[in-house]
Amino acid sequence: MKAPLLLRVTAVITLLFAVGHTLGGIHSWSPGGETEVLRAMRTFHFDAEGASRTYLDFYRGFGFMLSTYDSPSIVRR
C-alpha cells in the first residue's frame, strides 16, 4: 500500500471514531443500564467556575473534546 492510501484509510477510521464519540455523548446510554456508578455521577454536584456541575457533565465534556481534537487530524490527512 502506498502512503496516501494509508492516510486516507486512517482518516476515515478517525472520522468514524469522532462521529461515534459525538453521537454517543448526545444520548444518555449505558450498555449495563442504569448502574450505581451512573447514579452517583448524576447526583454528585460541585461548583466549577460558578456553575453547578456533575461528574457526568465532565465525562460527556471530555468525550466532546476528544471529537473536537480528532477533527483537525482528519482534515490534515
N, C-alpha and C. Protein backbone atom coordinates (compact mmCIF):
# COMPACT_ATOMS: atom_id res chain seq x y z
N MET A 1 0.84 -1.19 0.00
CA MET A 1 0.00 0.00 0.00
C MET A 1 0.88 1.24 0.00
N LYS A 2 0.41 2.23 -0.71
CA LYS A 2 1.14 3.49 -0.76
C LYS A 2 0.68 4.38 0.39
N ALA A 3 1.54 5.30 0.75
CA ALA A 3 1.28 6.18 1.90
C ALA A 3 -0.01 7.00 1.77
N PRO A 4 -0.31 7.60 0.62
CA PRO A 4 -1.56 8.39 0.54
C PRO A 4 -2.81 7.55 0.80
N LEU A 5 -2.83 6.33 0.31
CA LEU A 5 -3.99 5.46 0.55
C LEU A 5 -4.10 5.10 2.03
N LEU A 6 -2.98 4.81 2.66
CA LEU A 6 -2.99 4.50 4.09
C LEU A 6 -3.49 5.69 4.91
N LEU A 7 -3.06 6.89 4.52
CA LEU A 7 -3.50 8.10 5.24
C LEU A 7 -5.00 8.32 5.06
N ARG A 8 -5.53 8.04 3.88
CA ARG A 8 -6.96 8.19 3.66
C ARG A 8 -7.75 7.18 4.48
N VAL A 9 -7.25 5.96 4.55
CA VAL A 9 -7.92 4.93 5.34
C VAL A 9 -7.94 5.31 6.81
N THR A 10 -6.82 5.79 7.34
CA THR A 10 -6.79 6.19 8.74
C THR A 10 -7.68 7.42 8.99
N ALA A 11 -7.79 8.31 8.00
CA ALA A 11 -8.66 9.47 8.15
C ALA A 11 -10.12 9.04 8.25
N VAL A 12 -10.52 8.05 7.46
CA VAL A 12 -11.90 7.55 7.52
C VAL A 12 -12.16 6.88 8.86
N ILE A 13 -11.21 6.10 9.34
CA ILE A 13 -11.37 5.44 10.64
C ILE A 13 -11.47 6.48 11.75
N THR A 14 -10.64 7.50 11.69
CA THR A 14 -10.68 8.56 12.69
C THR A 14 -11.99 9.32 12.62
N LEU A 15 -12.51 9.55 11.41
CA LEU A 15 -13.80 10.21 11.26
C LEU A 15 -14.92 9.39 11.90
N LEU A 16 -14.92 8.08 11.67
CA LEU A 16 -15.93 7.22 12.28
C LEU A 16 -15.82 7.24 13.80
N PHE A 17 -14.59 7.25 14.31
CA PHE A 17 -14.36 7.32 15.76
C PHE A 17 -14.91 8.63 16.34
N ALA A 18 -14.64 9.74 15.67
CA ALA A 18 -15.11 11.05 16.15
C ALA A 18 -16.64 11.14 16.10
N VAL A 19 -17.24 10.66 15.02
CA VAL A 19 -18.70 10.69 14.90
C VAL A 19 -19.33 9.81 15.97
N GLY A 20 -18.74 8.65 16.21
CA GLY A 20 -19.26 7.75 17.24
C GLY A 20 -19.21 8.38 18.62
N HIS A 21 -18.11 9.06 18.93
CA HIS A 21 -17.99 9.73 20.22
C HIS A 21 -19.01 10.84 20.36
N THR A 22 -19.22 11.59 19.30
CA THR A 22 -20.17 12.70 19.35
C THR A 22 -21.59 12.20 19.52
N LEU A 23 -21.99 11.25 18.70
CA LEU A 23 -23.35 10.72 18.79
C LEU A 23 -23.58 9.95 20.08
N GLY A 24 -22.58 9.24 20.54
CA GLY A 24 -22.72 8.51 21.80
C GLY A 24 -22.83 9.43 23.00
N GLY A 25 -22.20 10.59 22.91
CA GLY A 25 -22.26 11.54 24.02
C GLY A 25 -23.56 12.30 24.09
N ILE A 26 -24.27 12.38 22.97
CA ILE A 26 -25.53 13.11 22.96
C ILE A 26 -26.59 12.34 23.74
N HIS A 27 -26.60 11.03 23.58
CA HIS A 27 -27.59 10.20 24.25
C HIS A 27 -27.07 9.73 25.60
N SER A 28 -27.94 9.68 26.56
CA SER A 28 -27.56 9.17 27.87
C SER A 28 -27.78 7.67 27.87
N TRP A 29 -26.74 6.93 27.57
CA TRP A 29 -26.88 5.48 27.43
C TRP A 29 -25.83 4.77 28.27
N SER A 30 -26.11 3.55 28.53
CA SER A 30 -25.15 2.68 29.20
C SER A 30 -25.47 1.24 28.82
N PRO A 31 -24.49 0.49 28.36
CA PRO A 31 -24.77 -0.91 28.00
C PRO A 31 -25.31 -1.71 29.17
N GLY A 32 -24.92 -1.35 30.38
CA GLY A 32 -25.38 -2.07 31.57
C GLY A 32 -26.65 -1.51 32.17
N GLY A 33 -27.26 -0.54 31.51
CA GLY A 33 -28.46 0.09 32.07
C GLY A 33 -28.09 1.12 33.11
N GLU A 34 -29.04 1.48 33.92
CA GLU A 34 -28.82 2.45 35.00
C GLU A 34 -28.07 1.76 36.13
N THR A 35 -26.81 2.10 36.31
CA THR A 35 -25.98 1.48 37.34
C THR A 35 -25.77 2.46 38.49
N GLU A 36 -25.21 1.94 39.57
CA GLU A 36 -24.92 2.80 40.72
C GLU A 36 -23.88 3.86 40.36
N VAL A 37 -22.96 3.50 39.50
CA VAL A 37 -21.93 4.47 39.10
C VAL A 37 -22.56 5.65 38.37
N LEU A 38 -23.45 5.36 37.42
CA LEU A 38 -24.12 6.46 36.70
C LEU A 38 -24.99 7.30 37.63
N ARG A 39 -25.68 6.67 38.55
CA ARG A 39 -26.48 7.44 39.52
C ARG A 39 -25.58 8.35 40.35
N ALA A 40 -24.45 7.82 40.77
CA ALA A 40 -23.52 8.63 41.56
C ALA A 40 -22.96 9.78 40.73
N MET A 41 -22.67 9.51 39.45
CA MET A 41 -22.14 10.57 38.58
C MET A 41 -23.18 11.66 38.35
N ARG A 42 -24.46 11.31 38.35
CA ARG A 42 -25.53 12.30 38.14
C ARG A 42 -25.87 13.07 39.41
N THR A 43 -25.69 12.44 40.56
CA THR A 43 -26.15 13.07 41.79
C THR A 43 -25.09 13.90 42.51
N PHE A 44 -23.82 13.63 42.27
CA PHE A 44 -22.77 14.38 42.97
C PHE A 44 -22.52 15.69 42.24
N HIS A 45 -22.92 16.79 42.85
CA HIS A 45 -22.77 18.13 42.27
C HIS A 45 -21.63 18.87 42.95
N PHE A 46 -20.95 19.70 42.20
CA PHE A 46 -19.94 20.60 42.75
C PHE A 46 -19.87 21.83 41.87
N ASP A 47 -19.29 22.89 42.41
CA ASP A 47 -19.18 24.14 41.67
C ASP A 47 -17.91 24.15 40.83
N ALA A 48 -18.08 24.50 39.57
CA ALA A 48 -16.94 24.64 38.65
C ALA A 48 -17.08 25.98 37.95
N GLU A 49 -16.25 26.91 38.35
CA GLU A 49 -16.26 28.27 37.81
C GLU A 49 -17.63 28.92 37.90
N GLY A 50 -18.28 28.76 39.03
CA GLY A 50 -19.55 29.41 39.29
C GLY A 50 -20.78 28.66 38.82
N ALA A 51 -20.61 27.50 38.21
CA ALA A 51 -21.75 26.72 37.74
C ALA A 51 -21.78 25.39 38.48
N SER A 52 -22.97 24.91 38.78
CA SER A 52 -23.11 23.61 39.43
C SER A 52 -23.03 22.52 38.37
N ARG A 53 -22.04 21.65 38.49
CA ARG A 53 -21.80 20.58 37.51
C ARG A 53 -21.74 19.23 38.22
N THR A 54 -21.92 18.17 37.43
CA THR A 54 -21.80 16.81 37.96
C THR A 54 -20.62 16.13 37.28
N TYR A 55 -20.25 14.98 37.82
CA TYR A 55 -19.19 14.21 37.18
C TYR A 55 -19.60 13.76 35.78
N LEU A 56 -20.88 13.49 35.58
CA LEU A 56 -21.36 13.07 34.27
C LEU A 56 -21.19 14.20 33.24
N ASP A 57 -21.38 15.45 33.66
CA ASP A 57 -21.15 16.58 32.76
C ASP A 57 -19.70 16.59 32.27
N PHE A 58 -18.77 16.37 33.17
CA PHE A 58 -17.36 16.36 32.78
C PHE A 58 -17.03 15.14 31.91
N TYR A 59 -17.64 14.01 32.21
CA TYR A 59 -17.43 12.80 31.41
C TYR A 59 -17.87 13.04 29.97
N ARG A 60 -19.04 13.63 29.80
CA ARG A 60 -19.52 13.94 28.45
C ARG A 60 -18.65 15.01 27.80
N GLY A 61 -18.25 15.99 28.56
CA GLY A 61 -17.41 17.06 28.02
C GLY A 61 -16.09 16.54 27.49
N PHE A 62 -15.49 15.59 28.19
CA PHE A 62 -14.23 15.01 27.71
C PHE A 62 -14.45 14.23 26.43
N GLY A 63 -15.60 13.58 26.29
CA GLY A 63 -15.91 12.89 25.04
C GLY A 63 -16.05 13.86 23.87
N PHE A 64 -16.71 15.00 24.11
CA PHE A 64 -16.83 16.00 23.06
C PHE A 64 -15.48 16.63 22.72
N MET A 65 -14.64 16.80 23.74
CA MET A 65 -13.29 17.32 23.48
C MET A 65 -12.50 16.37 22.59
N LEU A 66 -12.64 15.08 22.83
CA LEU A 66 -11.94 14.10 22.00
C LEU A 66 -12.40 14.19 20.55
N SER A 67 -13.70 14.35 20.35
CA SER A 67 -14.22 14.52 18.98
C SER A 67 -13.67 15.78 18.34
N THR A 68 -13.60 16.85 19.11
CA THR A 68 -13.10 18.12 18.59
C THR A 68 -11.62 18.03 18.23
N TYR A 69 -10.84 17.36 19.06
CA TYR A 69 -9.41 17.23 18.78
C TYR A 69 -9.14 16.28 17.62
N ASP A 70 -10.03 15.34 17.37
CA ASP A 70 -9.85 14.42 16.24
C ASP A 70 -10.13 15.09 14.90
N SER A 71 -11.00 16.08 14.88
CA SER A 71 -11.42 16.69 13.62
C SER A 71 -10.26 17.29 12.81
N PRO A 72 -9.35 18.06 13.40
CA PRO A 72 -8.25 18.58 12.59
C PRO A 72 -7.34 17.50 12.02
N SER A 73 -7.18 16.40 12.71
CA SER A 73 -6.32 15.35 12.20
C SER A 73 -6.97 14.66 11.00
N ILE A 74 -8.31 14.69 10.92
CA ILE A 74 -9.00 14.13 9.75
C ILE A 74 -8.77 15.03 8.54
N VAL A 75 -8.85 16.33 8.74
CA VAL A 75 -8.70 17.28 7.65
C VAL A 75 -7.27 17.28 7.12
N ARG A 76 -6.29 17.18 8.00
CA ARG A 76 -4.89 17.20 7.60
C ARG A 76 -4.53 16.04 6.69
N ARG A 77 -5.17 14.92 6.91
CA ARG A 77 -4.80 13.72 6.15
C ARG A 77 -5.44 13.82 4.81
